[in-house]
Amino acid sequence: MISVSQALDHLFALAKPLASEEVPLIQAAGRVMVKPVQARRDQPPFAASAMDGYGTINPEVGQKLKVVGEAAAGHRFDGDIPAGSCIRIFTGAPVPDAVTHVTIQENVTREGDHIVVNDLGSGDNIRPAGGDFRDGQTVGAPRRLTANDVALLAAMNVPTVTVAKQPKVALISTGDELVMPGENPGPDQIIASNTFGLHAMLRDLGALPRLLPIARDTEASLRTVFDLVDDADLVITIGGASVGDHDLVAKVAGDLGMERAFYKVAMRPGKPLMSGRLGDAMMMGLPGNPVSAMVCGHIFVAPVIRSLMGLARSAAPRFQTTLAAPIAENGPREHYMRAEVSPNGLTAFEKQDSSLLSVLGASNALLVRAPNDPARAVGEKVDYIPL
């Protein structure tokens, strides 16, 4: 068996970054931008009013001013503002060069075409030209674009961005015991849950997952499903990667030309993990236990997907907190315990069997235990991965 970090190194070596494509900005959210972009204008492109009020020149409290014009968003005032005058101005409107202060409307009294300044308030209420960003300012890459990023790029007048292609992922469940959700299982069957959880995870990561038919426990069935992989960048099998008489994935994949990189990782849950290359695609064989498959998704699949899209080759981010309840010593494998993080600290669930999806559903973290980690007391610092 190899360690989790060694397994990740092997996986990153197999994960060849995908090609890029140019997409309209409206389609860019959630995609990984792989080329930096530059702003194509200043923002704001002119000094702009931050409030509704009156554009004044060095105003004084008690001063009476004549309103000689108006400026609104999209409509500047181009006239003169003589001494003793002001203009009505609205939020976002260009501020004339002569104006030194936007006196907010709550701080004046309006009488016909005159105002009286009652209070100057704080600040000049003028947004300087280029106060947000300047023409040529760069947004770096690679980065996964959020809604906030898209808003910024739109303001920068960037109509298209270069992004990594979305990884196409083929998901294959294996086993005679499986039926799809909504079907009527036989007395010895269960519902295929792993591929649905992984499908949701992959979509959240920005990949394009596709569920293939369930492969039964025969070489012929496995071969038939493998023939449907098509142009996938990554093939993920769930189950059948162990060493039992009915675990045929490794044999069939090998017969089809898979170059295996490793098999078995010193972790719990998730020991029977396999990976390699199958033709042009990367392949990962995950364990069949539901929690094992999902934990391997967080620990291995998610970093691989990010790597394929050009993001940093790094493990799932870890955080630290204190224990809210004690935990016993760990065994010889790295352990990812289902846990709950709260303001009081982290509590590991008592039940850690790899078949218990209900415990995973109640968890918001994986407590990471090093091999042979000693017993830990309340208040000790521990590492965790948020879910």
Protein backbone atom coordinates (compact mmCIF):
# COMPACT_ATOMS: atom_id res chain seq x y z
CA MET A 1 0.00 0.00 0.00
CA ILE A 2 1.03 3.57 -0.62
CA SER A 3 0.22 6.69 1.39
CA VAL A 4 -2.46 9.21 0.51
CA SER A 5 0.15 11.79 -0.50
CA GLN A 6 1.93 9.24 -2.71
CA ALA A 7 -1.38 8.30 -4.33
CA LEU A 8 -2.08 11.98 -5.05
CA ASP A 9 1.37 12.36 -6.63
CA HIS A 10 0.62 9.41 -8.94
CA LEU A 11 -2.80 10.85 -9.80
CA PHE A 12 -1.42 14.29 -10.60
CA ALA A 13 1.19 12.67 -12.85
CA LEU A 14 -1.65 10.98 -14.76
CA ALA A 15 -3.85 14.08 -14.96
CA LYS A 16 -2.95 15.85 -18.18
CA PRO A 17 -4.31 19.43 -18.24
CA LEU A 18 -7.06 19.82 -20.81
CA ALA A 19 -7.07 22.13 -23.80
CA SER A 20 -8.66 25.57 -23.55
CA GLU A 21 -11.49 27.31 -25.38
CA GLU A 22 -12.90 30.81 -25.60
CA VAL A 23 -16.41 31.35 -24.25
CA PRO A 24 -18.72 34.35 -23.92
CA LEU A 25 -18.57 35.96 -20.49
CA ILE A 26 -22.23 35.06 -19.89
CA GLN A 27 -21.21 31.38 -19.96
CA ALA A 28 -18.04 31.74 -17.88
CA ALA A 29 -19.29 31.37 -14.29
CA GLY A 30 -17.88 28.23 -12.71
CA ARG A 31 -15.30 27.76 -15.46
CA VAL A 32 -11.55 27.93 -14.89
CA MET A 33 -10.05 30.95 -16.65
CA VAL A 34 -6.57 29.95 -17.83
CA LYS A 35 -5.39 33.20 -19.39
CA PRO A 36 -5.25 36.53 -17.53
CA VAL A 37 -7.36 39.40 -18.82
CA GLN A 38 -6.92 43.16 -18.70
CA ALA A 39 -9.43 45.89 -18.05
CA ARG A 40 -10.32 47.82 -21.17
CA ARG A 41 -11.28 51.06 -19.40
CA ASP A 42 -11.13 52.95 -16.11
CA GLN A 43 -13.93 52.36 -13.61
CA PRO A 44 -15.56 54.71 -13.02
CA PRO A 45 -14.50 56.36 -16.29
CA PHE A 46 -15.17 59.78 -14.77
CA ALA A 47 -15.56 61.31 -11.34
CA ALA A 48 -19.03 60.20 -10.30
CA SER A 49 -21.51 61.20 -7.66
CA ALA A 50 -21.84 58.68 -4.83
CA MET A 51 -25.17 60.11 -3.62
CA ASP A 52 -28.31 61.92 -4.69
CA GLY A 53 -27.92 65.59 -3.83
CA TYR A 54 -26.45 68.84 -5.12
CA GLY A 55 -23.13 69.50 -6.79
CA THR A 56 -21.62 72.41 -4.91
CA ILE A 57 -18.35 74.38 -4.95
CA ASN A 58 -16.67 74.74 -1.56
CA PRO A 59 -20.05 74.98 0.23
CA GLU A 60 -20.60 76.45 3.69
CA VAL A 61 -23.29 75.76 6.23
CA GLY A 62 -26.09 78.32 5.91
CA GLN A 63 -25.15 79.21 2.34
CA LYS A 64 -27.99 79.80 -0.13
CA LEU A 65 -27.34 78.53 -3.69
CA LYS A 66 -29.26 78.74 -6.94
CA VAL A 67 -29.88 75.47 -8.81
CA VAL A 68 -28.80 76.09 -12.42
CA GLY A 69 -28.94 72.58 -13.93
CA GLU A 70 -29.05 68.85 -13.45
CA ALA A 71 -26.76 65.83 -13.95
CA ALA A 72 -28.03 62.24 -13.98
CA ALA A 73 -26.52 58.84 -14.68
CA GLY A 74 -25.80 58.79 -18.40
CA HIS A 75 -26.44 62.53 -18.76
CA ARG A 76 -23.70 64.94 -17.73
CA PHE A 77 -24.12 68.68 -17.09
CA ASP A 78 -21.92 70.68 -19.48
CA GLY A 79 -22.91 74.23 -18.51
CA ASP A 80 -21.25 76.76 -16.24
CA ILE A 81 -21.77 76.85 -12.48
CA PRO A 82 -21.35 80.51 -11.45
CA ALA A 83 -20.43 81.51 -7.94
CA GLY A 84 -23.42 81.13 -5.63
CA SER A 85 -24.86 78.33 -7.81
CA CYS A 86 -25.12 74.54 -7.76
CA ILE A 87 -26.60 71.73 -9.80
CA ARG A 88 -29.00 68.94 -8.92
CA ILE A 89 -27.04 65.67 -9.23
CA PHE A 90 -27.96 62.01 -8.91
CA THR A 91 -26.01 58.87 -7.96
CA GLY A 92 -23.69 57.72 -10.75
CA ALA A 93 -23.82 61.00 -12.66
CA PRO A 94 -20.58 62.54 -13.95
CA VAL A 95 -19.40 65.29 -11.61
CA PRO A 96 -18.41 68.54 -13.38
CA ASP A 97 -14.78 69.58 -12.88
CA ALA A 98 -15.75 72.68 -10.91
CA VAL A 99 -17.76 70.74 -8.31
CA THR A 100 -15.87 69.99 -5.08
CA HIS A 101 -18.64 68.46 -3.00
CA VAL A 102 -21.89 66.58 -3.46
CA THR A 103 -24.10 67.80 -0.64
CA ILE A 104 -26.66 65.08 -0.02
CA GLN A 105 -30.28 66.03 -0.42
CA GLU A 106 -31.06 65.26 3.26
CA ASN A 107 -28.62 68.02 4.26
CA VAL A 108 -30.29 70.86 2.35
CA THR A 109 -33.59 72.68 2.31
CA ARG A 110 -35.02 73.23 -1.17
CA GLU A 111 -37.03 76.38 -1.82
CA GLY A 112 -38.06 76.68 -5.45
CA ASP A 113 -34.86 76.92 -7.52
CA HIS A 114 -32.68 77.58 -4.46
CA ILE A 115 -31.25 75.42 -1.69
CA VAL A 116 -29.92 76.24 1.75
CA VAL A 117 -27.01 74.11 3.00
CA ASN A 118 -27.83 72.83 6.49
CA ASP A 119 -24.95 70.38 7.00
CA LEU A 120 -21.85 69.34 5.03
CA GLY A 121 -21.77 65.79 6.32
CA SER A 122 -18.57 63.72 6.08
CA GLY A 123 -16.57 63.29 2.90
CA ASP A 124 -17.12 64.85 -0.50
CA ASN A 125 -19.38 62.03 -1.83
CA ILE A 126 -17.44 61.96 -5.10
CA ARG A 127 -16.06 58.70 -6.51
CA PRO A 128 -12.77 59.46 -8.28
CA ALA A 129 -12.17 58.35 -11.86
CA GLY A 130 -10.44 54.95 -11.82
CA GLY A 131 -11.16 54.50 -8.15
CA ASP A 132 -12.25 50.89 -8.69
CA PHE A 133 -9.76 49.83 -11.38
CA ARG A 134 -7.68 51.31 -14.17
CA ASP A 135 -7.43 50.57 -17.87
CA GLY A 136 -4.95 47.70 -18.27
CA GLN A 137 -5.35 46.35 -14.73
CA THR A 138 -4.99 42.55 -14.79
CA VAL A 139 -7.13 39.75 -13.38
CA GLY A 140 -4.80 36.79 -12.99
CA ALA A 141 -5.21 33.15 -13.96
CA PRO A 142 -5.77 30.32 -13.45
CA ARG A 143 -8.86 30.90 -11.34
CA ARG A 144 -12.32 29.44 -11.15
CA LEU A 145 -14.66 32.27 -11.98
CA THR A 146 -17.29 33.18 -9.42
CA ALA A 147 -20.31 35.40 -9.93
CA ASN A 148 -18.28 38.24 -8.38
CA ASP A 149 -15.47 37.64 -10.90
CA VAL A 150 -17.94 37.73 -13.79
CA ALA A 151 -19.36 41.04 -12.57
CA LEU A 152 -15.84 42.49 -12.39
CA LEU A 153 -14.91 41.27 -15.87
CA ALA A 154 -18.13 42.67 -17.31
CA ALA A 155 -17.35 46.06 -15.76
CA MET A 156 -13.88 45.81 -17.32
CA ASN A 157 -15.61 45.49 -20.72
CA VAL A 158 -14.24 41.95 -21.24
CA PRO A 159 -16.71 40.10 -23.53
CA THR A 160 -15.01 36.67 -23.71
CA VAL A 161 -12.56 34.66 -21.61
CA THR A 162 -10.25 31.71 -22.28
CA VAL A 163 -11.18 28.78 -20.06
CA ALA A 164 -10.13 25.17 -19.65
CA LYS A 165 -12.41 22.66 -21.28
CA GLN A 166 -14.68 20.91 -18.81
CA PRO A 167 -13.49 17.38 -18.00
CA LYS A 168 -15.79 14.71 -19.40
CA VAL A 169 -16.18 12.01 -16.76
CA ALA A 170 -17.73 8.57 -17.33
CA LEU A 171 -19.15 7.02 -14.15
CA ILE A 172 -19.56 3.24 -13.99
CA SER A 173 -21.18 1.41 -11.08
CA THR A 174 -20.47 -2.31 -10.91
CA GLY A 175 -22.24 -5.19 -9.19
CA ASP A 176 -25.12 -7.62 -9.54
CA GLU A 177 -26.57 -6.23 -6.32
CA LEU A 178 -27.29 -2.76 -7.75
CA VAL A 179 -30.43 -1.23 -9.23
CA MET A 180 -31.15 2.40 -10.12
CA PRO A 181 -33.13 4.71 -7.81
CA GLY A 182 -36.85 4.27 -8.45
CA GLU A 183 -36.55 0.66 -9.58
CA ASN A 184 -37.86 -2.26 -7.53
CA PRO A 185 -34.85 -4.06 -6.01
CA GLY A 186 -34.90 -7.80 -5.55
CA PRO A 187 -34.54 -9.32 -2.09
CA ASP A 188 -30.72 -9.32 -2.36
CA GLN A 189 -30.27 -5.97 -4.08
CA ILE A 190 -29.58 -2.38 -3.04
CA ILE A 191 -29.88 1.01 -4.72
CA ALA A 192 -26.90 2.44 -6.62
CA SER A 193 -26.11 5.61 -4.67
CA ASN A 194 -22.40 6.20 -5.26
CA THR A 195 -22.61 7.36 -8.85
CA PHE A 196 -25.35 9.84 -7.98
CA GLY A 197 -23.31 11.37 -5.17
CA LEU A 198 -20.19 11.52 -7.33
CA HIS A 199 -22.19 12.92 -10.25
CA ALA A 200 -23.37 15.79 -8.03
CA MET A 201 -19.85 16.37 -6.72
CA LEU A 202 -18.40 16.44 -10.25
CA ARG A 203 -21.00 18.93 -11.46
CA ASP A 204 -20.22 21.21 -8.52
CA LEU A 205 -16.53 21.01 -9.47
CA GLY A 206 -17.27 22.14 -13.03
CA ALA A 207 -16.92 18.76 -14.78
CA LEU A 208 -19.32 17.12 -17.23
CA PRO A 209 -20.21 13.76 -15.64
CA ARG A 210 -22.14 11.03 -17.45
CA LEU A 211 -23.71 7.95 -15.87
CA LEU A 212 -23.14 4.76 -17.85
CA PRO A 213 -25.25 1.61 -17.35
CA ILE A 214 -24.54 -0.53 -14.31
CA ALA A 215 -21.93 -3.17 -15.16
CA ARG A 216 -22.84 -6.61 -13.87
CA ASP A 217 -20.35 -9.02 -12.33
CA THR A 218 -19.26 -10.60 -15.59
CA GLU A 219 -16.36 -9.77 -17.85
CA ALA A 220 -18.72 -9.48 -20.82
CA SER A 221 -20.90 -6.88 -19.06
CA LEU A 222 -17.88 -4.86 -17.97
CA ARG A 223 -16.45 -4.90 -21.47
CA THR A 224 -19.77 -3.73 -22.90
CA VAL A 225 -19.95 -0.77 -20.51
CA PHE A 226 -16.29 0.14 -21.08
CA ASP A 227 -17.09 0.28 -24.81
CA LEU A 228 -19.50 3.16 -24.01
CA VAL A 229 -16.81 5.35 -22.45
CA ASP A 230 -16.41 7.23 -25.76
CA ASP A 231 -14.38 10.48 -25.43
CA ALA A 232 -14.22 10.72 -21.63
CA ASP A 233 -11.18 12.40 -20.11
CA LEU A 234 -11.65 10.45 -16.89
CA VAL A 235 -13.28 7.08 -16.26
CA ILE A 236 -14.40 6.35 -12.71
CA THR A 237 -15.53 2.88 -11.73
CA ILE A 238 -17.20 2.25 -8.39
CA GLY A 239 -16.86 -1.19 -6.86
CA GLY A 240 -15.21 -4.31 -8.23
CA ALA A 241 -11.69 -3.02 -7.63
CA SER A 242 -10.92 -5.25 -4.65
CA VAL A 243 -9.60 -8.82 -4.69
CA GLY A 244 -12.76 -10.90 -4.34
CA ASP A 245 -13.91 -13.49 -6.86
CA HIS A 246 -16.46 -11.05 -8.27
CA ASP A 247 -14.12 -8.03 -8.39
CA LEU A 248 -13.30 -7.96 -12.09
CA VAL A 249 -12.57 -4.31 -12.86
CA ALA A 250 -8.79 -4.55 -12.65
CA LYS A 251 -8.67 -7.67 -14.83
CA VAL A 252 -11.00 -6.39 -17.53
CA ALA A 253 -9.39 -2.93 -17.56
CA GLY A 254 -5.99 -4.62 -17.83
CA ASP A 255 -7.19 -6.77 -20.70
CA LEU A 256 -8.34 -3.56 -22.42
CA GLY A 257 -4.87 -2.06 -22.05
CA MET A 258 -5.00 -0.11 -18.79
CA GLU A 259 -1.56 0.90 -17.53
CA ARG A 260 -2.01 0.66 -13.77
CA ALA A 261 -0.24 3.28 -11.65
CA PHE A 262 -1.08 1.96 -8.20
CA TYR A 263 -3.49 -0.19 -6.23
CA LYS A 264 -4.38 0.11 -2.54
CA VAL A 265 -3.91 3.18 -0.37
CA ALA A 266 -3.19 3.19 3.36
CA MET A 267 -6.35 5.04 4.34
CA ARG A 268 -9.76 4.45 5.86
CA PRO A 269 -12.22 4.40 4.40
CA GLY A 270 -11.05 3.77 0.84
CA LYS A 271 -8.16 1.26 0.83
CA PRO A 272 -9.05 -0.53 -2.47
CA LEU A 273 -8.30 2.43 -4.73
CA MET A 274 -6.84 1.90 -8.19
CA SER A 275 -5.70 4.22 -10.95
CA GLY A 276 -4.01 4.23 -14.33
CA ARG A 277 -4.57 5.16 -17.96
CA LEU A 278 -7.03 3.49 -20.29
CA GLY A 279 -6.33 4.63 -23.82
CA ASP A 280 -6.59 8.43 -23.91
CA ALA A 281 -8.47 8.58 -20.62
CA MET A 282 -7.32 8.62 -17.05
CA MET A 283 -8.98 5.93 -14.95
CA MET A 284 -9.78 5.70 -11.25
CA GLY A 285 -11.28 2.66 -9.58
CA LEU A 286 -13.04 3.60 -6.35
CA PRO A 287 -14.23 1.23 -3.63
CA GLY A 288 -17.86 0.16 -3.64
CA ASN A 289 -18.78 1.03 -0.06
CA PRO A 290 -20.85 4.23 -0.31
CA VAL A 291 -18.91 6.30 2.21
CA SER A 292 -15.57 5.02 0.90
CA ALA A 293 -16.46 6.14 -2.62
CA MET A 294 -17.58 9.60 -1.48
CA VAL A 295 -14.55 10.12 0.76
CA CYS A 296 -12.28 9.13 -2.14
CA GLY A 297 -14.23 11.65 -4.20
CA HIS A 298 -13.29 14.45 -1.81
CA ILE A 299 -9.70 13.30 -1.25
CA PHE A 300 -8.73 12.18 -4.77
CA VAL A 301 -11.33 12.93 -7.45
CA ALA A 302 -11.81 16.62 -6.61
CA PRO A 303 -8.06 17.44 -6.70
CA VAL A 304 -7.73 15.54 -9.99
CA ILE A 305 -10.59 17.48 -11.58
CA ARG A 306 -9.05 20.78 -10.48
CA SER A 307 -5.70 19.67 -11.91
CA LEU A 308 -7.28 18.70 -15.24
CA MET A 309 -8.73 22.22 -15.46
CA GLY A 310 -5.35 23.86 -14.88
CA LEU A 311 -5.66 24.75 -11.20
CA ALA A 312 -2.92 24.05 -8.68
CA ARG A 313 -2.02 20.43 -8.08
CA SER A 314 -2.83 20.34 -4.40
CA ALA A 315 -4.60 18.16 -1.89
CA ALA A 316 -8.01 19.04 -0.46
CA PRO A 317 -7.55 22.12 1.76
CA ARG A 318 -7.27 21.42 5.47
CA PHE A 319 -8.21 23.59 8.41
CA GLN A 320 -7.61 23.35 12.14
CA THR A 321 -9.93 23.48 15.08
CA THR A 322 -10.16 22.07 18.59
CA LEU A 323 -11.79 18.84 19.66
CA ALA A 324 -15.15 19.14 21.39
CA ALA A 325 -15.09 15.46 22.38
CA PRO A 326 -12.20 13.04 22.93
CA ILE A 327 -11.15 10.47 20.31
CA ALA A 328 -9.35 7.16 20.71
CA GLU A 329 -5.99 6.32 19.18
CA ASN A 330 -5.84 5.69 15.45
CA GLY A 331 -4.65 2.55 13.67
CA PRO A 332 -1.93 2.16 11.02
CA ARG A 333 -3.87 3.84 8.19
CA GLU A 334 -4.67 7.51 7.67
CA HIS A 335 -8.27 7.89 8.81
CA TYR A 336 -10.88 10.31 7.49
CA MET A 337 -13.55 10.34 10.18
CA ARG A 338 -16.98 11.79 9.61
CA ALA A 339 -17.43 14.68 11.98
CA GLU A 340 -19.35 17.84 12.78
CA VAL A 341 -17.70 21.23 13.22
CA SER A 342 -19.55 23.76 15.36
CA PRO A 343 -18.60 26.91 17.27
CA ASN A 344 -17.71 24.58 20.16
CA GLY A 345 -15.16 22.65 18.07
CA LEU A 346 -15.15 19.32 16.24
CA THR A 347 -16.95 16.15 17.27
CA ALA A 348 -16.33 12.86 15.46
CA PHE A 349 -19.38 10.65 15.07
CA GLU A 350 -19.29 7.45 17.08
CA LYS A 351 -20.31 5.27 14.12
CA GLN A 352 -17.67 5.26 11.36
CA ASP A 353 -18.68 2.18 9.33
CA SER A 354 -18.08 2.83 5.63
CA SER A 355 -21.62 1.79 4.69
CA LEU A 356 -23.38 4.49 6.74
CA LEU A 357 -24.42 7.26 4.36
CA SER A 358 -26.73 8.73 7.02
CA VAL A 359 -23.67 9.59 9.11
CA LEU A 360 -21.98 11.18 6.09
CA GLY A 361 -25.15 13.17 5.42
CA ALA A 362 -25.03 14.54 8.96
CA SER A 363 -21.35 15.49 8.64
CA ASN A 364 -19.87 18.80 7.58
CA ALA A 365 -16.23 17.77 7.95
CA LEU A 366 -13.75 14.92 7.73
CA LEU A 367 -11.45 14.71 10.72
CA VAL A 368 -7.99 13.73 9.40
CA ARG A 369 -6.05 11.29 11.59
CA ALA A 370 -2.43 10.45 10.86
CA PRO A 371 -1.38 6.79 11.02
CA ASN A 372 -0.94 5.65 14.63
CA ASP A 373 -2.11 9.02 15.92
CA PRO A 374 -2.46 8.80 19.73
CA ALA A 375 -5.68 9.37 21.63
CA ARG A 376 -6.69 13.02 21.72
CA ALA A 377 -8.37 14.98 24.49
CA VAL A 378 -10.95 17.78 24.41
CA GLY A 379 -9.33 21.06 23.41
CA GLU A 380 -6.49 19.58 21.36
CA LYS A 381 -5.92 20.93 17.85
CA VAL A 382 -6.88 18.65 14.96
CA ASP A 383 -6.95 18.89 11.15
CA TYR A 384 -10.16 18.62 9.19
CA ILE A 385 -11.42 18.92 5.62
CA PRO A 386 -14.75 20.79 5.25
CA LEU A 387 -17.54 19.04 3.36
